[in-house]
Amino acid sequence: MERLIYTLVRAAEWRAAEATGAYAGSADDARDGFLHFSTAAQLRASAAKHRAGVPDLVMVEADAAVLGDALRWEPAAGGSRPGLFPHLYAALPIAAVMRAVAVPLGADGRHVFPAGIP
């Protein structure tokens, strides 16, 4: 499986996570019982499906190897998208984060990702 995994977090929630040392997840994460992550190859499609038009997001890149058994690779709910997705069944410790980068909306309303995200 991939070493680096990604999630998109509202900027205010990310600032709170930095202050406490861990990110506990969004309302959607709480509903589903795990933190939703994507691989680099899955990230754009996930953003378009779940965060379309949402401003003030931060792309959080985490080291999957640090997350241990709390990280599971599973199909999307209902098998709606091909491939396995990384799901974290615990809070994300800030120590596992490699980088956190703002992801603004472009003029076309789509998120503008940093280099290295296909």
C-alpha atoms as a PDB file:
ATOM      1  CA  MET A   1       0.000   0.000   0.000  1.00  0.00           C
ATOM      2  CA  GLU A   2       0.981   3.637  -0.331  1.00  0.00           C
ATOM      3  CA  ARG A   3       3.325   5.242   2.197  1.00  0.00           C
ATOM      4  CA  LEU A   4       1.754   8.714   1.991  1.00  0.00           C
ATOM      5  CA  ILE A   5      -1.975   9.231   2.437  1.00  0.00           C
ATOM      6  CA  TYR A   6      -4.064  12.395   2.259  1.00  0.00           C
ATOM      7  CA  THR A   7      -7.124  14.008   3.754  1.00  0.00           C
ATOM      8  CA  LEU A   8      -8.745  17.396   3.259  1.00  0.00           C
ATOM      9  CA  VAL A   9      -9.539  19.332   6.415  1.00  0.00           C
ATOM     10  CA  ARG A  10     -11.251  22.665   6.926  1.00  0.00           C
ATOM     11  CA  ALA A  11      -8.596  25.225   7.884  1.00  0.00           C
ATOM     12  CA  ALA A  12     -10.203  26.098  11.239  1.00  0.00           C
ATOM     13  CA  GLU A  13     -10.404  22.413  12.195  1.00  0.00           C
ATOM     14  CA  TRP A  14      -6.755  21.934  11.230  1.00  0.00           C
ATOM     15  CA  ARG A  15      -5.634  24.883  13.387  1.00  0.00           C
ATOM     16  CA  ALA A  16      -7.512  23.329  16.324  1.00  0.00           C
ATOM     17  CA  ALA A  17      -5.833  19.973  15.662  1.00  0.00           C
ATOM     18  CA  GLU A  18      -2.407  21.587  15.634  1.00  0.00           C
ATOM     19  CA  ALA A  19      -3.175  23.171  19.006  1.00  0.00           C
ATOM     20  CA  THR A  20      -4.257  19.863  20.574  1.00  0.00           C
ATOM     21  CA  GLY A  21      -1.730  17.572  18.854  1.00  0.00           C
ATOM     22  CA  ALA A  22      -4.257  15.395  17.004  1.00  0.00           C
ATOM     23  CA  TYR A  23      -7.021  15.624  14.429  1.00  0.00           C
ATOM     24  CA  ALA A  24     -10.151  13.769  15.553  1.00  0.00           C
ATOM     25  CA  GLY A  25     -11.969  14.141  12.224  1.00  0.00           C
ATOM     26  CA  SER A  26     -14.914  15.898  10.638  1.00  0.00           C
ATOM     27  CA  ALA A  27     -18.610  15.337  11.233  1.00  0.00           C
ATOM     28  CA  ASP A  28     -18.554  12.902   8.290  1.00  0.00           C
ATOM     29  CA  ASP A  29     -15.675  10.998   9.888  1.00  0.00           C
ATOM     30  CA  ALA A  30     -17.535  10.801  13.208  1.00  0.00           C
ATOM     31  CA  ARG A  31     -20.661   9.513  11.423  1.00  0.00           C
ATOM     32  CA  ASP A  32     -18.701   6.779   9.636  1.00  0.00           C
ATOM     33  CA  GLY A  33     -16.491   5.830  12.581  1.00  0.00           C
ATOM     34  CA  PHE A  34     -13.144   6.497  10.898  1.00  0.00           C
ATOM     35  CA  LEU A  35     -11.098   9.268   9.279  1.00  0.00           C
ATOM     36  CA  HIS A  36     -11.351   9.227   5.488  1.00  0.00           C
ATOM     37  CA  PHE A  37      -8.053   9.335   3.601  1.00  0.00           C
ATOM     38  CA  SER A  38      -7.078   8.945  -0.051  1.00  0.00           C
ATOM     39  CA  THR A  39      -3.939   8.033  -1.921  1.00  0.00           C
ATOM     40  CA  ALA A  40      -2.381  10.718  -4.108  1.00  0.00           C
ATOM     41  CA  ALA A  41      -4.048   9.118  -7.150  1.00  0.00           C
ATOM     42  CA  GLN A  42      -7.475   9.158  -5.444  1.00  0.00           C
ATOM     43  CA  LEU A  43      -7.323  12.640  -3.924  1.00  0.00           C
ATOM     44  CA  ARG A  44      -8.625  14.789  -6.798  1.00  0.00           C
ATOM     45  CA  ALA A  45     -11.652  12.550  -7.380  1.00  0.00           C
ATOM     46  CA  SER A  46     -12.398  12.448  -3.644  1.00  0.00           C
ATOM     47  CA  ALA A  47     -12.186  16.238  -3.450  1.00  0.00           C
ATOM     48  CA  ALA A  48     -14.514  16.635  -6.425  1.00  0.00           C
ATOM     49  CA  LYS A  49     -17.040  14.204  -4.960  1.00  0.00           C
ATOM     50  CA  HIS A  50     -16.981  15.181  -1.283  1.00  0.00           C
ATOM     51  CA  ARG A  51     -15.541  18.717  -1.066  1.00  0.00           C
ATOM     52  CA  ALA A  52     -16.557  20.386  -4.352  1.00  0.00           C
ATOM     53  CA  GLY A  53     -16.561  24.159  -3.985  1.00  0.00           C
ATOM     54  CA  VAL A  54     -15.529  24.090  -0.319  1.00  0.00           C
ATOM     55  CA  PRO A  55     -13.085  26.936   0.367  1.00  0.00           C
ATOM     56  CA  ASP A  56     -10.409  27.101   3.057  1.00  0.00           C
ATOM     57  CA  LEU A  57      -9.254  23.495   2.929  1.00  0.00           C
ATOM     58  CA  VAL A  58      -5.905  22.117   4.010  1.00  0.00           C
ATOM     59  CA  MET A  59      -4.420  19.041   2.347  1.00  0.00           C
ATOM     60  CA  VAL A  60      -2.901  16.941   5.099  1.00  0.00           C
ATOM     61  CA  GLU A  61      -0.256  14.423   4.041  1.00  0.00           C
ATOM     62  CA  ALA A  62       0.403  11.662   6.571  1.00  0.00           C
ATOM     63  CA  ASP A  63       2.919   8.840   6.817  1.00  0.00           C
ATOM     64  CA  ALA A  64       0.852   5.657   6.737  1.00  0.00           C
ATOM     65  CA  ALA A  65       3.672   3.623   8.301  1.00  0.00           C
ATOM     66  CA  VAL A  66       3.398   5.624  11.536  1.00  0.00           C
ATOM     67  CA  LEU A  67      -0.327   4.903  11.971  1.00  0.00           C
ATOM     68  CA  GLY A  68      -0.026   1.197  12.748  1.00  0.00           C
ATOM     69  CA  ASP A  69      -3.003  -1.138  13.004  1.00  0.00           C
ATOM     70  CA  ALA A  70      -5.489   1.737  13.282  1.00  0.00           C
ATOM     71  CA  LEU A  71      -5.061   2.255   9.507  1.00  0.00           C
ATOM     72  CA  ARG A  72      -7.053  -0.120   7.336  1.00  0.00           C
ATOM     73  CA  TRP A  73      -7.306  -0.315   3.543  1.00  0.00           C
ATOM     74  CA  GLU A  74     -10.956  -0.832   2.618  1.00  0.00           C
ATOM     75  CA  PRO A  75     -13.329  -0.430  -0.330  1.00  0.00           C
ATOM     76  CA  ALA A  76     -15.452   2.709  -0.545  1.00  0.00           C
ATOM     77  CA  ALA A  77     -18.901   2.470   1.029  1.00  0.00           C
ATOM     78  CA  GLY A  78     -21.216   0.529  -1.231  1.00  0.00           C
ATOM     79  CA  GLY A  79     -18.328  -0.203  -3.599  1.00  0.00           C
ATOM     80  CA  SER A  80     -19.059   3.123  -5.305  1.00  0.00           C
ATOM     81  CA  ARG A  81     -15.427   3.721  -6.317  1.00  0.00           C
ATOM     82  CA  PRO A  82     -12.779   1.209  -7.385  1.00  0.00           C
ATOM     83  CA  GLY A  83      -9.736   0.457  -5.283  1.00  0.00           C
ATOM     84  CA  LEU A  84      -9.029   0.425  -1.596  1.00  0.00           C
ATOM     85  CA  PHE A  85      -9.074   3.586   0.498  1.00  0.00           C
ATOM     86  CA  PRO A  86      -7.095   4.260   3.668  1.00  0.00           C
ATOM     87  CA  HIS A  87      -9.383   4.589   6.696  1.00  0.00           C
ATOM     88  CA  LEU A  88      -7.963   5.577  10.075  1.00  0.00           C
ATOM     89  CA  TYR A  89      -9.815   4.212  13.100  1.00  0.00           C
ATOM     90  CA  ALA A  90      -8.199   6.649  15.527  1.00  0.00           C
ATOM     91  CA  ALA A  91      -7.343  10.330  15.753  1.00  0.00           C
ATOM     92  CA  LEU A  92      -4.527  11.444  13.457  1.00  0.00           C
ATOM     93  CA  PRO A  93      -1.505  12.412  15.571  1.00  0.00           C
ATOM     94  CA  ILE A  94       0.187  15.566  14.340  1.00  0.00           C
ATOM     95  CA  ALA A  95       3.489  13.670  14.628  1.00  0.00           C
ATOM     96  CA  ALA A  96       2.384  11.500  11.661  1.00  0.00           C
ATOM     97  CA  VAL A  97       1.842  14.523   9.410  1.00  0.00           C
ATOM     98  CA  MET A  98       4.506  15.154   6.796  1.00  0.00           C
ATOM     99  CA  ARG A  99       3.010  18.420   5.540  1.00  0.00           C
ATOM    100  CA  ALA A 100      -0.175  20.465   5.612  1.00  0.00           C
ATOM    101  CA  VAL A 101      -0.782  22.741   2.626  1.00  0.00           C
ATOM    102  CA  ALA A 102      -3.616  25.138   1.817  1.00  0.00           C
ATOM    103  CA  VAL A 103      -5.711  24.000  -1.150  1.00  0.00           C
ATOM    104  CA  PRO A 104      -7.435  27.062  -2.595  1.00  0.00           C
ATOM    105  CA  LEU A 105     -10.204  27.091  -5.147  1.00  0.00           C
ATOM    106  CA  GLY A 106      -9.151  28.041  -8.658  1.00  0.00           C
ATOM    107  CA  ALA A 107     -11.095  30.340 -10.977  1.00  0.00           C
ATOM    108  CA  ASP A 108     -12.937  27.266 -12.284  1.00  0.00           C
ATOM    109  CA  GLY A 109     -14.124  26.356  -8.762  1.00  0.00           C
ATOM    110  CA  ARG A 110     -11.882  23.293  -8.527  1.00  0.00           C
ATOM    111  CA  HIS A 111      -9.254  22.831  -5.841  1.00  0.00           C
ATOM    112  CA  VAL A 112      -5.683  23.723  -6.765  1.00  0.00           C
ATOM    113  CA  PHE A 113      -3.387  21.005  -5.428  1.00  0.00           C
ATOM    114  CA  PRO A 114       0.370  21.271  -4.918  1.00  0.00           C
ATOM    115  CA  ALA A 115       2.820  19.619  -7.283  1.00  0.00           C
ATOM    116  CA  GLY A 116       3.058  15.872  -6.917  1.00  0.00           C
ATOM    117  CA  ILE A 117      -0.684  15.248  -6.726  1.00  0.00           C
ATOM    118  CA  PRO A 118      -1.698  13.633 -10.042  1.00  0.00           C
END
